[in-house]
Amino acid sequence: MTVASFEIFREFYFEAAHALYDPDHPTGGKYRNIHGHSFRVRVTLRGAPNAEDEWVMDLGKLGRALAALRERLDHSFLNDLNGLGKPTLENLCLYIWRDLAATLPGLAEVGVFRDSCFEGCVYRGD
């Protein structure tokens, strides 16, 4: 008998500022000045429903697990976050993954999107 595997996700939004300096550009590049974005984050878990509750994870519990992360990111200056590095979409995905991986079994994917710019990045682990 094959056990079904499901993917569940929870999303949250945050507002943040950053600056991206381009050392190869004579003036530092178009994005060198501090500017902000509205970010949408999607965290996806993969697994089989457990026998007791018949779900991969309680989505309310997942939401509570994401609340501290959202609080840290919301209205922040991303350049000042320890461990983020250059505040690119790629590094945001990796930062969020590393923050959540130890406490969220079945973590399958982290996506960070800037919907107003029609762009985003998805990270699925190593």
PDB file of N, CA and C in Angstrom:
ATOM      1  N   MET A   1       0.836  -1.176   0.000  1.00  0.00           N
ATOM      2  CA  MET A   1       0.000   0.000   0.000  1.00  0.00           C
ATOM      3  C   MET A   1       0.888   1.250   0.000  1.00  0.00           C
ATOM      4  N   THR A   2       0.589   2.170  -0.873  1.00  0.00           N
ATOM      5  CA  THR A   2       1.346   3.401  -0.987  1.00  0.00           C
ATOM      6  C   THR A   2       0.713   4.478  -0.107  1.00  0.00           C
ATOM      7  N   VAL A   3       1.552   5.168   0.644  1.00  0.00           N
ATOM      8  CA  VAL A   3       1.075   6.266   1.482  1.00  0.00           C
ATOM      9  C   VAL A   3       1.149   7.551   0.662  1.00  0.00           C
ATOM     10  N   ALA A   4       0.048   8.264   0.614  1.00  0.00           N
ATOM     11  CA  ALA A   4      -0.011   9.491  -0.171  1.00  0.00           C
ATOM     12  C   ALA A   4       0.870  10.570   0.443  1.00  0.00           C
ATOM     13  N   SER A   5       1.482  11.349  -0.423  1.00  0.00           N
ATOM     14  CA  SER A   5       2.274  12.488   0.002  1.00  0.00           C
ATOM     15  C   SER A   5       1.562  13.766  -0.447  1.00  0.00           C
ATOM     16  N   PHE A   6       1.457  14.692   0.454  1.00  0.00           N
ATOM     17  CA  PHE A   6       0.785  15.955   0.178  1.00  0.00           C
ATOM     18  C   PHE A   6       1.761  17.105   0.374  1.00  0.00           C
ATOM     19  N   GLU A   7       1.434  18.239  -0.215  1.00  0.00           N
ATOM     20  CA  GLU A   7       2.143  19.480   0.056  1.00  0.00           C
ATOM     21  C   GLU A   7       1.134  20.475   0.617  1.00  0.00           C
ATOM     22  N   ILE A   8       1.475  21.055   1.750  1.00  0.00           N
ATOM     23  CA  ILE A   8       0.655  22.119   2.329  1.00  0.00           C
ATOM     24  C   ILE A   8       1.528  23.366   2.391  1.00  0.00           C
ATOM     25  N   PHE A   9       0.908  24.527   2.401  1.00  0.00           N
ATOM     26  CA  PHE A   9       1.696  25.744   2.492  1.00  0.00           C
ATOM     27  C   PHE A   9       0.970  26.799   3.291  1.00  0.00           C
ATOM     28  N   ARG A  10       1.757  27.737   3.747  1.00  0.00           N
ATOM     29  CA  ARG A  10       1.234  28.906   4.448  1.00  0.00           C
ATOM     30  C   ARG A  10       2.012  30.094   3.909  1.00  0.00           C
ATOM     31  N   GLU A  11       1.333  31.206   3.723  1.00  0.00           N
ATOM     32  CA  GLU A  11       1.975  32.412   3.223  1.00  0.00           C
ATOM     33  C   GLU A  11       1.874  33.532   4.245  1.00  0.00           C
ATOM     34  N   PHE A  12       2.812  34.458   4.160  1.00  0.00           N
ATOM     35  CA  PHE A  12       2.728  35.688   4.933  1.00  0.00           C
ATOM     36  C   PHE A  12       3.371  36.804   4.126  1.00  0.00           C
ATOM     37  N   TYR A  13       3.011  38.008   4.480  1.00  0.00           N
ATOM     38  CA  TYR A  13       3.557  39.194   3.835  1.00  0.00           C
ATOM     39  C   TYR A  13       4.422  39.951   4.824  1.00  0.00           C
ATOM     40  N   PHE A  14       5.392  40.682   4.295  1.00  0.00           N
ATOM     41  CA  PHE A  14       6.132  41.636   5.106  1.00  0.00           C
ATOM     42  C   PHE A  14       6.613  42.773   4.222  1.00  0.00           C
ATOM     43  N   GLU A  15       6.832  43.897   4.851  1.00  0.00           N
ATOM     44  CA  GLU A  15       7.359  45.085   4.184  1.00  0.00           C
ATOM     45  C   GLU A  15       8.781  45.277   4.693  1.00  0.00           C
ATOM     46  N   ALA A  16       9.702  45.583   3.783  1.00  0.00           N
ATOM     47  CA  ALA A  16      11.083  45.789   4.204  1.00  0.00           C
ATOM     48  C   ALA A  16      11.817  46.660   3.192  1.00  0.00           C
ATOM     49  N   ALA A  17      12.913  47.231   3.658  1.00  0.00           N
ATOM     50  CA  ALA A  17      13.767  48.050   2.807  1.00  0.00           C
ATOM     51  C   ALA A  17      15.110  47.364   2.639  1.00  0.00           C
ATOM     52  N   HIS A  18      15.786  47.720   1.560  1.00  0.00           N
ATOM     53  CA  HIS A  18      17.151  47.249   1.344  1.00  0.00           C
ATOM     54  C   HIS A  18      17.839  48.174   0.353  1.00  0.00           C
ATOM     55  N   ALA A  19      19.126  47.978   0.194  1.00  0.00           N
ATOM     56  CA  ALA A  19      19.926  48.681  -0.807  1.00  0.00           C
ATOM     57  C   ALA A  19      20.868  47.646  -1.405  1.00  0.00           C
ATOM     58  N   LEU A  20      21.014  47.685  -2.699  1.00  0.00           N
ATOM     59  CA  LEU A  20      21.874  46.729  -3.392  1.00  0.00           C
ATOM     60  C   LEU A  20      22.956  47.502  -4.142  1.00  0.00           C
ATOM     61  N   TYR A  21      24.140  47.494  -3.599  1.00  0.00           N
ATOM     62  CA  TYR A  21      25.266  48.214  -4.191  1.00  0.00           C
ATOM     63  C   TYR A  21      25.953  47.329  -5.224  1.00  0.00           C
ATOM     64  N   ASP A  22      26.193  47.865  -6.408  1.00  0.00           N
ATOM     65  CA  ASP A  22      26.860  47.141  -7.489  1.00  0.00           C
ATOM     66  C   ASP A  22      28.283  47.674  -7.612  1.00  0.00           C
ATOM     67  N   PRO A  23      29.281  46.927  -7.148  1.00  0.00           N
ATOM     68  CA  PRO A  23      30.663  47.422  -7.188  1.00  0.00           C
ATOM     69  C   PRO A  23      31.208  47.576  -8.608  1.00  0.00           C
ATOM     70  N   ASP A  24      30.565  46.952  -9.584  1.00  0.00           N
ATOM     71  CA  ASP A  24      31.029  47.048 -10.970  1.00  0.00           C
ATOM     72  C   ASP A  24      30.462  48.259 -11.695  1.00  0.00           C
ATOM     73  N   HIS A  25      29.572  48.986 -11.052  1.00  0.00           N
ATOM     74  CA  HIS A  25      28.960  50.169 -11.667  1.00  0.00           C
ATOM     75  C   HIS A  25      29.621  51.417 -11.084  1.00  0.00           C
ATOM     76  N   PRO A  26      29.957  52.406 -11.921  1.00  0.00           N
ATOM     77  CA  PRO A  26      30.682  53.583 -11.416  1.00  0.00           C
ATOM     78  C   PRO A  26      29.949  54.358 -10.316  1.00  0.00           C
ATOM     79  N   THR A  27      28.620  54.341 -10.313  1.00  0.00           N
ATOM     80  CA  THR A  27      27.882  55.069  -9.275  1.00  0.00           C
ATOM     81  C   THR A  27      27.252  54.137  -8.236  1.00  0.00           C
ATOM     82  N   GLY A  28      27.537  52.847  -8.325  1.00  0.00           N
ATOM     83  CA  GLY A  28      26.952  51.888  -7.387  1.00  0.00           C
ATOM     84  C   GLY A  28      25.706  51.221  -7.921  1.00  0.00           C
ATOM     85  N   GLY A  29      25.224  51.647  -9.071  1.00  0.00           N
ATOM     86  CA  GLY A  29      24.092  50.991  -9.721  1.00  0.00           C
ATOM     87  C   GLY A  29      22.746  51.596  -9.381  1.00  0.00           C
ATOM     88  N   LYS A  30      21.766  51.160 -10.117  1.00  0.00           N
ATOM     89  CA  LYS A  30      20.400  51.680 -10.017  1.00  0.00           C
ATOM     90  C   LYS A  30      19.773  51.451  -8.642  1.00  0.00           C
ATOM     91  N   TYR A  31      20.135  50.383  -7.963  1.00  0.00           N
ATOM     92  CA  TYR A  31      19.469  49.997  -6.707  1.00  0.00           C
ATOM     93  C   TYR A  31      20.293  50.331  -5.468  1.00  0.00           C
ATOM     94  N   ARG A  32      21.278  51.221  -5.604  1.00  0.00           N
ATOM     95  CA  ARG A  32      22.184  51.540  -4.499  1.00  0.00           C
ATOM     96  C   ARG A  32      21.511  52.309  -3.371  1.00  0.00           C
ATOM     97  N   ASN A  33      20.470  53.054  -3.696  1.00  0.00           N
ATOM     98  CA  ASN A  33      19.765  53.819  -2.664  1.00  0.00           C
ATOM     99  C   ASN A  33      18.783  52.923  -1.917  1.00  0.00           C
ATOM    100  N   ILE A  34      18.515  53.278  -0.673  1.00  0.00           N
ATOM    101  CA  ILE A  34      17.553  52.523   0.124  1.00  0.00           C
ATOM    102  C   ILE A  34      16.177  52.627  -0.536  1.00  0.00           C
ATOM    103  N   HIS A  35      15.552  51.486  -0.700  1.00  0.00           N
ATOM    104  CA  HIS A  35      14.199  51.419  -1.266  1.00  0.00           C
ATOM    105  C   HIS A  35      13.496  50.221  -0.651  1.00  0.00           C
ATOM    106  N   GLY A  36      12.179  50.181  -0.767  1.00  0.00           N
ATOM    107  CA  GLY A  36      11.424  49.123  -0.115  1.00  0.00           C
ATOM    108  C   GLY A  36      10.558  48.323  -1.056  1.00  0.00           C
ATOM    109  N   HIS A  37      10.107  47.187  -0.551  1.00  0.00           N
ATOM    110  CA  HIS A  37       9.232  46.281  -1.294  1.00  0.00           C
ATOM    111  C   HIS A  37       8.218  45.661  -0.345  1.00  0.00           C
ATOM    112  N   SER A  38       7.136  45.203  -0.914  1.00  0.00           N
ATOM    113  CA  SER A  38       6.210  44.304  -0.240  1.00  0.00           C
ATOM    114  C   SER A  38       6.600  42.895  -0.666  1.00  0.00           C
ATOM    115  N   PHE A  39       6.893  42.055   0.286  1.00  0.00           N
ATOM    116  CA  PHE A  39       7.312  40.682   0.009  1.00  0.00           C
ATOM    117  C   PHE A  39       6.209  39.720   0.431  1.00  0.00           C
ATOM    118  N   ARG A  40       6.046  38.660  -0.350  1.00  0.00           N
ATOM    119  CA  ARG A  40       5.159  37.556   0.007  1.00  0.00           C
ATOM    120  C   ARG A  40       6.031  36.318   0.130  1.00  0.00           C
ATOM    121  N   VAL A  41       5.866  35.595   1.217  1.00  0.00           N
ATOM    122  CA  VAL A  41       6.648  34.381   1.464  1.00  0.00           C
ATOM    123  C   VAL A  41       5.692  33.199   1.508  1.00  0.00           C
ATOM    124  N   ARG A  42       6.053  32.133   0.805  1.00  0.00           N
ATOM    125  CA  ARG A  42       5.294  30.883   0.859  1.00  0.00           C
ATOM    126  C   ARG A  42       6.218  29.793   1.389  1.00  0.00           C
ATOM    127  N   VAL A  43       5.783  29.131   2.467  1.00  0.00           N
ATOM    128  CA  VAL A  43       6.535  28.029   3.062  1.00  0.00           C
ATOM    129  C   VAL A  43       5.722  26.761   2.833  1.00  0.00           C
ATOM    130  N   THR A  44       6.335  25.787   2.178  1.00  0.00           N
ATOM    131  CA  THR A  44       5.661  24.543   1.800  1.00  0.00           C
ATOM    132  C   THR A  44       6.271  23.368   2.555  1.00  0.00           C
ATOM    133  N   LEU A  45       5.394  22.534   3.107  1.00  0.00           N
ATOM    134  CA  LEU A  45       5.794  21.287   3.763  1.00  0.00           C
ATOM    135  C   LEU A  45       5.280  20.120   2.937  1.00  0.00           C
ATOM    136  N   ARG A  46       6.056  19.039   2.896  1.00  0.00           N
ATOM    137  CA  ARG A  46       5.645  17.839   2.160  1.00  0.00           C
ATOM    138  C   ARG A  46       5.653  16.659   3.110  1.00  0.00           C
ATOM    139  N   GLY A  47       4.614  15.834   3.007  1.00  0.00           N
ATOM    140  CA  GLY A  47       4.586  14.641   3.833  1.00  0.00           C
ATOM    141  C   GLY A  47       3.256  13.927   3.742  1.00  0.00           C
ATOM    142  N   ALA A  48       3.187  12.852   4.462  1.00  0.00           N
ATOM    143  CA  ALA A  48       1.952  12.076   4.547  1.00  0.00           C
ATOM    144  C   ALA A  48       1.165  12.551   5.765  1.00  0.00           C
ATOM    145  N   PRO A  49      -0.141  12.531   5.691  1.00  0.00           N
ATOM    146  CA  PRO A  49      -0.936  12.879   6.871  1.00  0.00           C
ATOM    147  C   PRO A  49      -0.630  11.919   8.012  1.00  0.00           C
ATOM    148  N   ASN A  50      -0.546  12.462   9.228  1.00  0.00           N
ATOM    149  CA  ASN A  50      -0.276  11.586  10.363  1.00  0.00           C
ATOM    150  C   ASN A  50      -1.548  10.821  10.732  1.00  0.00           C
ATOM    151  N   ALA A  51      -1.368   9.724  11.423  1.00  0.00           N
ATOM    152  CA  ALA A  51      -2.499   8.838  11.742  1.00  0.00           C
ATOM    153  C   ALA A  51      -3.475   9.474  12.730  1.00  0.00           C
ATOM    154  N   GLU A  52      -2.973  10.273  13.644  1.00  0.00           N
ATOM    155  CA  GLU A  52      -3.825  10.839  14.687  1.00  0.00           C
ATOM    156  C   GLU A  52      -4.740  11.948  14.161  1.00  0.00           C
ATOM    157  N   ASP A  53      -4.161  12.951  13.508  1.00  0.00           N
ATOM    158  CA  ASP A  53      -4.938  14.118  13.076  1.00  0.00           C
ATOM    159  C   ASP A  53      -5.344  14.075  11.601  1.00  0.00           C
ATOM    160  N   GLU A  54      -4.691  13.201  10.847  1.00  0.00           N
ATOM    161  CA  GLU A  54      -4.929  13.057   9.411  1.00  0.00           C
ATOM    162  C   GLU A  54      -4.572  14.317   8.630  1.00  0.00           C
ATOM    163  N   TRP A  55      -3.510  14.997   9.066  1.00  0.00           N
ATOM    164  CA  TRP A  55      -2.982  16.121   8.307  1.00  0.00           C
ATOM    165  C   TRP A  55      -1.459  16.094   8.368  1.00  0.00           C
ATOM    166  N   VAL A  56      -0.831  16.751   7.415  1.00  0.00           N
ATOM    167  CA  VAL A  56       0.630  16.836   7.388  1.00  0.00           C
ATOM    168  C   VAL A  56       1.102  17.651   8.584  1.00  0.00           C
ATOM    169  N   MET A  57       0.449  18.793   8.820  1.00  0.00           N
ATOM    170  CA  MET A  57       0.696  19.629   9.988  1.00  0.00           C
ATOM    171  C   MET A  57      -0.503  20.552  10.143  1.00  0.00           C
ATOM    172  N   ASP A  58      -0.843  20.853  11.347  1.00  0.00           N
ATOM    173  CA  ASP A  58      -1.898  21.826  11.623  1.00  0.00           C
ATOM    174  C   ASP A  58      -1.460  23.166  11.040  1.00  0.00           C
ATOM    175  N   LEU A  59      -2.254  23.731  10.119  1.00  0.00           N
ATOM    176  CA  LEU A  59      -1.885  24.996   9.484  1.00  0.00           C
ATOM    177  C   LEU A  59      -1.831  26.145  10.483  1.00  0.00           C
ATOM    178  N   GLY A  60      -2.608  26.070  11.547  1.00  0.00           N
ATOM    179  CA  GLY A  60      -2.515  27.072  12.609  1.00  0.00           C
ATOM    180  C   GLY A  60      -1.164  27.002  13.307  1.00  0.00           C
ATOM    181  N   LYS A  61      -0.694  25.798  13.557  1.00  0.00           N
ATOM    182  CA  LYS A  61       0.625  25.608  14.173  1.00  0.00           C
ATOM    183  C   LYS A  61       1.716  26.122  13.244  1.00  0.00           C
ATOM    184  N   LEU A  62       1.566  25.855  11.949  1.00  0.00           N
ATOM    185  CA  LEU A  62       2.529  26.362  10.974  1.00  0.00           C
ATOM    186  C   LEU A  62       2.538  27.890  10.996  1.00  0.00           C
ATOM    187  N   GLY A  63       1.373  28.497  11.043  1.00  0.00           N
ATOM    188  CA  GLY A  63       1.281  29.955  11.107  1.00  0.00           C
ATOM    189  C   GLY A  63       1.975  30.527  12.334  1.00  0.00           C
ATOM    190  N   ARG A  64       1.802  29.856  13.456  1.00  0.00           N
ATOM    191  CA  ARG A  64       2.462  30.313  14.684  1.00  0.00           C
ATOM    192  C   ARG A  64       3.981  30.166  14.578  1.00  0.00           C
ATOM    193  N   ALA A  65       4.425  29.125  13.904  1.00  0.00           N
ATOM    194  CA  ALA A  65       5.868  28.921  13.711  1.00  0.00           C
ATOM    195  C   ALA A  65       6.467  30.017  12.826  1.00  0.00           C
ATOM    196  N   LEU A  66       5.678  30.563  11.929  1.00  0.00           N
ATOM    197  CA  LEU A  66       6.170  31.602  11.023  1.00  0.00           C
ATOM    198  C   LEU A  66       6.082  33.001  11.620  1.00  0.00           C
ATOM    199  N   ALA A  67       5.317  33.168  12.682  1.00  0.00           N
ATOM    200  CA  ALA A  67       5.049  34.499  13.237  1.00  0.00           C
ATOM    201  C   ALA A  67       6.321  35.211  13.701  1.00  0.00           C
ATOM    202  N   ALA A  68       7.212  34.517  14.385  1.00  0.00           N
ATOM    203  CA  ALA A  68       8.443  35.155  14.879  1.00  0.00           C
ATOM    204  C   ALA A  68       9.327  35.586  13.720  1.00  0.00           C
ATOM    205  N   LEU A  69       9.391  34.767  12.693  1.00  0.00           N
ATOM    206  CA  LEU A  69      10.169  35.114  11.504  1.00  0.00           C
ATOM    207  C   LEU A  69       9.595  36.357  10.835  1.00  0.00           C
ATOM    208  N   ARG A  70       8.287  36.381  10.673  1.00  0.00           N
ATOM    209  CA  ARG A  70       7.640  37.537  10.060  1.00  0.00           C
ATOM    210  C   ARG A  70       7.912  38.798  10.866  1.00  0.00           C
ATOM    211  N   GLU A  71       7.825  38.684  12.174  1.00  0.00           N
ATOM    212  CA  GLU A  71       8.076  39.829  13.057  1.00  0.00           C
ATOM    213  C   GLU A  71       9.487  40.368  12.853  1.00  0.00           C
ATOM    214  N   ARG A  72      10.446  39.477  12.705  1.00  0.00           N
ATOM    215  CA  ARG A  72      11.841  39.883  12.512  1.00  0.00           C
ATOM    216  C   ARG A  72      12.050  40.573  11.168  1.00  0.00           C
ATOM    217  N   LEU A  73      11.328  40.122  10.132  1.00  0.00           N
ATOM    218  CA  LEU A  73      11.502  40.666   8.787  1.00  0.00           C
ATOM    219  C   LEU A  73      10.695  41.939   8.540  1.00  0.00           C
ATOM    220  N   ASP A  74       9.508  42.036   9.129  1.00  0.00           N
ATOM    221  CA  ASP A  74       8.589  43.122   8.802  1.00  0.00           C
ATOM    222  C   ASP A  74       9.137  44.478   9.250  1.00  0.00           C
ATOM    223  N   HIS A  75       9.099  45.429   8.331  1.00  0.00           N
ATOM    224  CA  HIS A  75       9.576  46.795   8.543  1.00  0.00           C
ATOM    225  C   HIS A  75      11.033  46.835   9.011  1.00  0.00           C
ATOM    226  N   SER A  76      11.822  45.951   8.446  1.00  0.00           N
ATOM    227  CA  SER A  76      13.248  45.918   8.769  1.00  0.00           C
ATOM    228  C   SER A  76      14.049  46.508   7.606  1.00  0.00           C
ATOM    229  N   PHE A  77      15.319  46.773   7.882  1.00  0.00           N
ATOM    230  CA  PHE A  77      16.287  47.106   6.835  1.00  0.00           C
ATOM    231  C   PHE A  77      17.078  45.829   6.607  1.00  0.00           C
ATOM    232  N   LEU A  78      16.798  45.153   5.529  1.00  0.00           N
ATOM    233  CA  LEU A  78      17.329  43.809   5.301  1.00  0.00           C
ATOM    234  C   LEU A  78      18.857  43.759   5.331  1.00  0.00           C
ATOM    235  N   ASN A  79      19.512  44.828   4.934  1.00  0.00           N
ATOM    236  CA  ASN A  79      20.973  44.854   4.951  1.00  0.00           C
ATOM    237  C   ASN A  79      21.528  44.647   6.359  1.00  0.00           C
ATOM    238  N   ASP A  80      20.731  44.926   7.395  1.00  0.00           N
ATOM    239  CA  ASP A  80      21.187  44.797   8.783  1.00  0.00           C
ATOM    240  C   ASP A  80      20.897  43.430   9.404  1.00  0.00           C
ATOM    241  N   LEU A  81      20.239  42.521   8.690  1.00  0.00           N
ATOM    242  CA  LEU A  81      19.918  41.209   9.269  1.00  0.00           C
ATOM    243  C   LEU A  81      21.160  40.326   9.328  1.00  0.00           C
ATOM    244  N   ASN A  82      21.510  39.883  10.532  1.00  0.00           N
ATOM    245  CA  ASN A  82      22.653  38.978  10.693  1.00  0.00           C
ATOM    246  C   ASN A  82      22.401  37.672   9.957  1.00  0.00           C
ATOM    247  N   GLY A  83      23.360  37.263   9.150  1.00  0.00           N
ATOM    248  CA  GLY A  83      23.271  35.989   8.453  1.00  0.00           C
ATOM    249  C   GLY A  83      22.610  36.055   7.091  1.00  0.00           C
ATOM    250  N   LEU A  84      22.079  37.204   6.694  1.00  0.00           N
ATOM    251  CA  LEU A  84      21.416  37.295   5.388  1.00  0.00           C
ATOM    252  C   LEU A  84      22.414  37.508   4.261  1.00  0.00           C
ATOM    253  N   GLY A  85      23.418  38.337   4.476  1.00  0.00           N
ATOM    254  CA  GLY A  85      24.318  38.711   3.394  1.00  0.00           C
ATOM    255  C   GLY A  85      23.648  39.759   2.521  1.00  0.00           C
ATOM    256  N   LYS A  86      24.041  39.808   1.259  1.00  0.00           N
ATOM    257  CA  LYS A  86      23.440  40.764   0.326  1.00  0.00           C
ATOM    258  C   LYS A  86      21.944  40.455   0.221  1.00  0.00           C
ATOM    259  N   PRO A  87      21.075  41.448   0.404  1.00  0.00           N
ATOM    260  CA  PRO A  87      19.636  41.184   0.504  1.00  0.00           C
ATOM    261  C   PRO A  87      18.948  40.953  -0.848  1.00  0.00           C
ATOM    262  N   THR A  88      19.324  39.853  -1.485  1.00  0.00           N
ATOM    263  CA  THR A  88      18.709  39.443  -2.746  1.00  0.00           C
ATOM    264  C   THR A  88      17.565  38.472  -2.461  1.00  0.00           C
ATOM    265  N   LEU A  89      16.729  38.235  -3.454  1.00  0.00           N
ATOM    266  CA  LEU A  89      15.662  37.235  -3.297  1.00  0.00           C
ATOM    267  C   LEU A  89      16.250  35.860  -2.991  1.00  0.00           C
ATOM    268  N   GLU A  90      17.340  35.524  -3.654  1.00  0.00           N
ATOM    269  CA  GLU A  90      17.972  34.228  -3.430  1.00  0.00           C
ATOM    270  C   GLU A  90      18.428  34.084  -1.975  1.00  0.00           C
ATOM    271  N   ASN A  91      19.090  35.116  -1.461  1.00  0.00           N
ATOM    272  CA  ASN A  91      19.574  35.040  -0.081  1.00  0.00           C
ATOM    273  C   ASN A  91      18.433  35.075   0.929  1.00  0.00           C
ATOM    274  N   LEU A  92      17.345  35.775   0.607  1.00  0.00           N
ATOM    275  CA  LEU A  92      16.175  35.743   1.489  1.00  0.00           C
ATOM    276  C   LEU A  92      15.593  34.333   1.571  1.00  0.00           C
ATOM    277  N   CYS A  93      15.476  33.651   0.440  1.00  0.00           N
ATOM    278  CA  CYS A  93      14.985  32.266   0.456  1.00  0.00           C
ATOM    279  C   CYS A  93      15.860  31.388   1.346  1.00  0.00           C
ATOM    280  N   LEU A  94      17.154  31.482   1.163  1.00  0.00           N
ATOM    281  CA  LEU A  94      18.081  30.657   1.933  1.00  0.00           C
ATOM    282  C   LEU A  94      18.036  31.017   3.422  1.00  0.00           C
ATOM    283  N   TYR A  95      17.962  32.288   3.745  1.00  0.00           N
ATOM    284  CA  TYR A  95      17.869  32.757   5.128  1.00  0.00           C
ATOM    285  C   TYR A  95      16.626  32.172   5.810  1.00  0.00           C
ATOM    286  N   ILE A  96      15.502  32.244   5.131  1.00  0.00           N
ATOM    287  CA  ILE A  96      14.248  31.724   5.682  1.00  0.00           C
ATOM    288  C   ILE A  96      14.328  30.213   5.832  1.00  0.00           C
ATOM    289  N   TRP A  97      14.861  29.524   4.822  1.00  0.00           N
ATOM    290  CA  TRP A  97      15.025  28.066   4.890  1.00  0.00           C
ATOM    291  C   TRP A  97      15.834  27.676   6.120  1.00  0.00           C
ATOM    292  N   ARG A  98      16.976  28.310   6.277  1.00  0.00           N
ATOM    293  CA  ARG A  98      17.860  27.972   7.409  1.00  0.00           C
ATOM    294  C   ARG A  98      17.198  28.258   8.747  1.00  0.00           C
ATOM    295  N   ASP A  99      16.393  29.313   8.802  1.00  0.00           N
ATOM    296  CA  ASP A  99      15.698  29.659  10.038  1.00  0.00           C
ATOM    297  C   ASP A  99      14.655  28.609  10.413  1.00  0.00           C
ATOM    298  N   LEU A 100      14.005  28.021   9.421  1.00  0.00           N
ATOM    299  CA  LEU A 100      12.877  27.121   9.666  1.00  0.00           C
ATOM    300  C   LEU A 100      13.211  25.635   9.627  1.00  0.00           C
ATOM    301  N   ALA A 101      14.275  25.250   8.955  1.00  0.00           N
ATOM    302  CA  ALA A 101      14.543  23.836   8.666  1.00  0.00           C
ATOM    303  C   ALA A 101      14.592  22.956   9.913  1.00  0.00           C
ATOM    304  N   ALA A 102      15.173  23.436  10.989  1.00  0.00           N
ATOM    305  CA  ALA A 102      15.326  22.601  12.191  1.00  0.00           C
ATOM    306  C   ALA A 102      14.009  22.357  12.913  1.00  0.00           C
ATOM    307  N   THR A 103      13.041  23.246  12.734  1.00  0.00           N
ATOM    308  CA  THR A 103      11.792  23.139  13.501  1.00  0.00           C
ATOM    309  C   THR A 103      10.588  22.731  12.669  1.00  0.00           C
ATOM    310  N   LEU A 104      10.740  22.649  11.362  1.00  0.00           N
ATOM    311  CA  LEU A 104       9.614  22.266  10.504  1.00  0.00           C
ATOM    312  C   LEU A 104       9.947  21.006   9.713  1.00  0.00           C
ATOM    313  N   PRO A 105       9.618  19.846  10.270  1.00  0.00           N
ATOM    314  CA  PRO A 105       9.863  18.614   9.525  1.00  0.00           C
ATOM    315  C   PRO A 105       9.061  18.623   8.230  1.00  0.00           C
ATOM    316  N   GLY A 106       9.678  18.134   7.194  1.00  0.00           N
ATOM    317  CA  GLY A 106       9.005  18.091   5.898  1.00  0.00           C
ATOM    318  C   GLY A 106       9.114  19.374   5.104  1.00  0.00           C
ATOM    319  N   LEU A 107       9.939  20.325   5.570  1.00  0.00           N
ATOM    320  CA  LEU A 107      10.120  21.566   4.811  1.00  0.00           C
ATOM    321  C   LEU A 107      10.565  21.211   3.397  1.00  0.00           C
ATOM    322  N   ALA A 108       9.799  21.639   2.422  1.00  0.00           N
ATOM    323  CA  ALA A 108      10.070  21.265   1.034  1.00  0.00           C
ATOM    324  C   ALA A 108      10.451  22.445   0.159  1.00  0.00           C
ATOM    325  N   GLU A 109       9.951  23.639   0.499  1.00  0.00           N
ATOM    326  CA  GLU A 109      10.153  24.760  -0.411  1.00  0.00           C
ATOM    327  C   GLU A 109       9.911  26.076   0.313  1.00  0.00           C
ATOM    328  N   VAL A 110      10.718  27.060  -0.016  1.00  0.00           N
ATOM    329  CA  VAL A 110      10.513  28.434   0.436  1.00  0.00           C
ATOM    330  C   VAL A 110      10.508  29.312  -0.800  1.00  0.00           C
ATOM    331  N   GLY A 111       9.461  30.089  -0.947  1.00  0.00           N
ATOM    332  CA  GLY A 111       9.377  31.038  -2.049  1.00  0.00           C
ATOM    333  C   GLY A 111       9.255  32.443  -1.509  1.00  0.00           C
ATOM    334  N   VAL A 112       9.980  33.371  -2.120  1.00  0.00           N
ATOM    335  CA  VAL A 112       9.895  34.789  -1.768  1.00  0.00           C
ATOM    336  C   VAL A 112       9.535  35.529  -3.043  1.00  0.00           C
ATOM    337  N   PHE A 113       8.458  36.310  -2.976  1.00  0.00           N
ATOM    338  CA  PHE A 113       7.917  36.958  -4.170  1.00  0.00           C
ATOM    339  C   PHE A 113       7.737  38.455  -3.937  1.00  0.00           C
ATOM    340  N   ARG A 114       8.036  39.228  -4.963  1.00  0.00           N
ATOM    341  CA  ARG A 114       7.712  40.647  -5.001  1.00  0.00           C
ATOM    342  C   ARG A 114       6.657  40.794  -6.086  1.00  0.00           C
ATOM    343  N   ASP A 115       5.410  40.606  -5.687  1.00  0.00           N
ATOM    344  CA  ASP A 115       4.309  40.543  -6.645  1.00  0.00           C
ATOM    345  C   ASP A 115       4.178  41.816  -7.471  1.00  0.00           C
ATOM    346  N   SER A 116       4.417  42.980  -6.879  1.00  0.00           N
ATOM    347  CA  SER A 116       4.265  44.228  -7.632  1.00  0.00           C
ATOM    348  C   SER A 116       5.313  44.359  -8.728  1.00  0.00           C
ATOM    349  N   CYS A 117       6.404  43.613  -8.601  1.00  0.00           N
ATOM    350  CA  CYS A 117       7.463  43.620  -9.622  1.00  0.00           C
ATOM    351  C   CYS A 117       7.368  42.406 -10.542  1.00  0.00           C
ATOM    352  N   PHE A 118       6.413  41.499 -10.266  1.00  0.00           N
ATOM    353  CA  PHE A 118       6.235  40.269 -11.045  1.00  0.00           C
ATOM    354  C   PHE A 118       7.494  39.398 -11.019  1.00  0.00           C
ATOM    355  N   GLU A 119       8.081  39.266  -9.817  1.00  0.00           N
ATOM    356  CA  GLU A 119       9.300  38.467  -9.715  1.00  0.00           C
ATOM    357  C   GLU A 119       9.344  37.729  -8.388  1.00  0.00           C
ATOM    358  N   GLY A 120      10.178  36.721  -8.351  1.00  0.00           N
ATOM    359  CA  GLY A 120      10.311  35.945  -7.133  1.00  0.00           C
ATOM    360  C   GLY A 120      11.404  34.914  -7.266  1.00  0.00           C
ATOM    361  N   CYS A 121      11.583  34.151  -6.215  1.00  0.00           N
ATOM    362  CA  CYS A 121      12.594  33.106  -6.170  1.00  0.00           C
ATOM    363  C   CYS A 121      12.065  31.967  -5.316  1.00  0.00           C
ATOM    364  N   VAL A 122      12.387  30.750  -5.692  1.00  0.00           N
ATOM    365  CA  VAL A 122      11.990  29.558  -4.932  1.00  0.00           C
ATOM    366  C   VAL A 122      13.235  28.745  -4.618  1.00  0.00           C
ATOM    367  N   TYR A 123      13.330  28.283  -3.361  1.00  0.00           N
ATOM    368  CA  TYR A 123      14.440  27.433  -2.927  1.00  0.00           C
ATOM    369  C   TYR A 123      13.860  26.123  -2.410  1.00  0.00           C
ATOM    370  N   ARG A 124      14.467  25.006  -2.852  1.00  0.00           N
ATOM    371  CA  ARG A 124      13.965  23.687  -2.471  1.00  0.00           C
ATOM    372  C   ARG A 124      14.989  22.859  -1.694  1.00  0.00           C
ATOM    373  N   GLY A 125      15.946  23.496  -1.094  1.00  0.00           N
ATOM    374  CA  GLY A 125      16.927  22.773  -0.285  1.00  0.00           C
ATOM    375  C   GLY A 125      18.089  22.266  -1.113  1.00  0.00           C
ATOM    376  N   ASP A 126      19.033  21.691  -0.397  1.00  0.00           N
ATOM    377  CA  ASP A 126      20.258  21.207  -1.063  1.00  0.00           C
ATOM    378  C   ASP A 126      20.043  19.885  -1.728  1.00  0.00           C
TER     379      ASP A 126
END
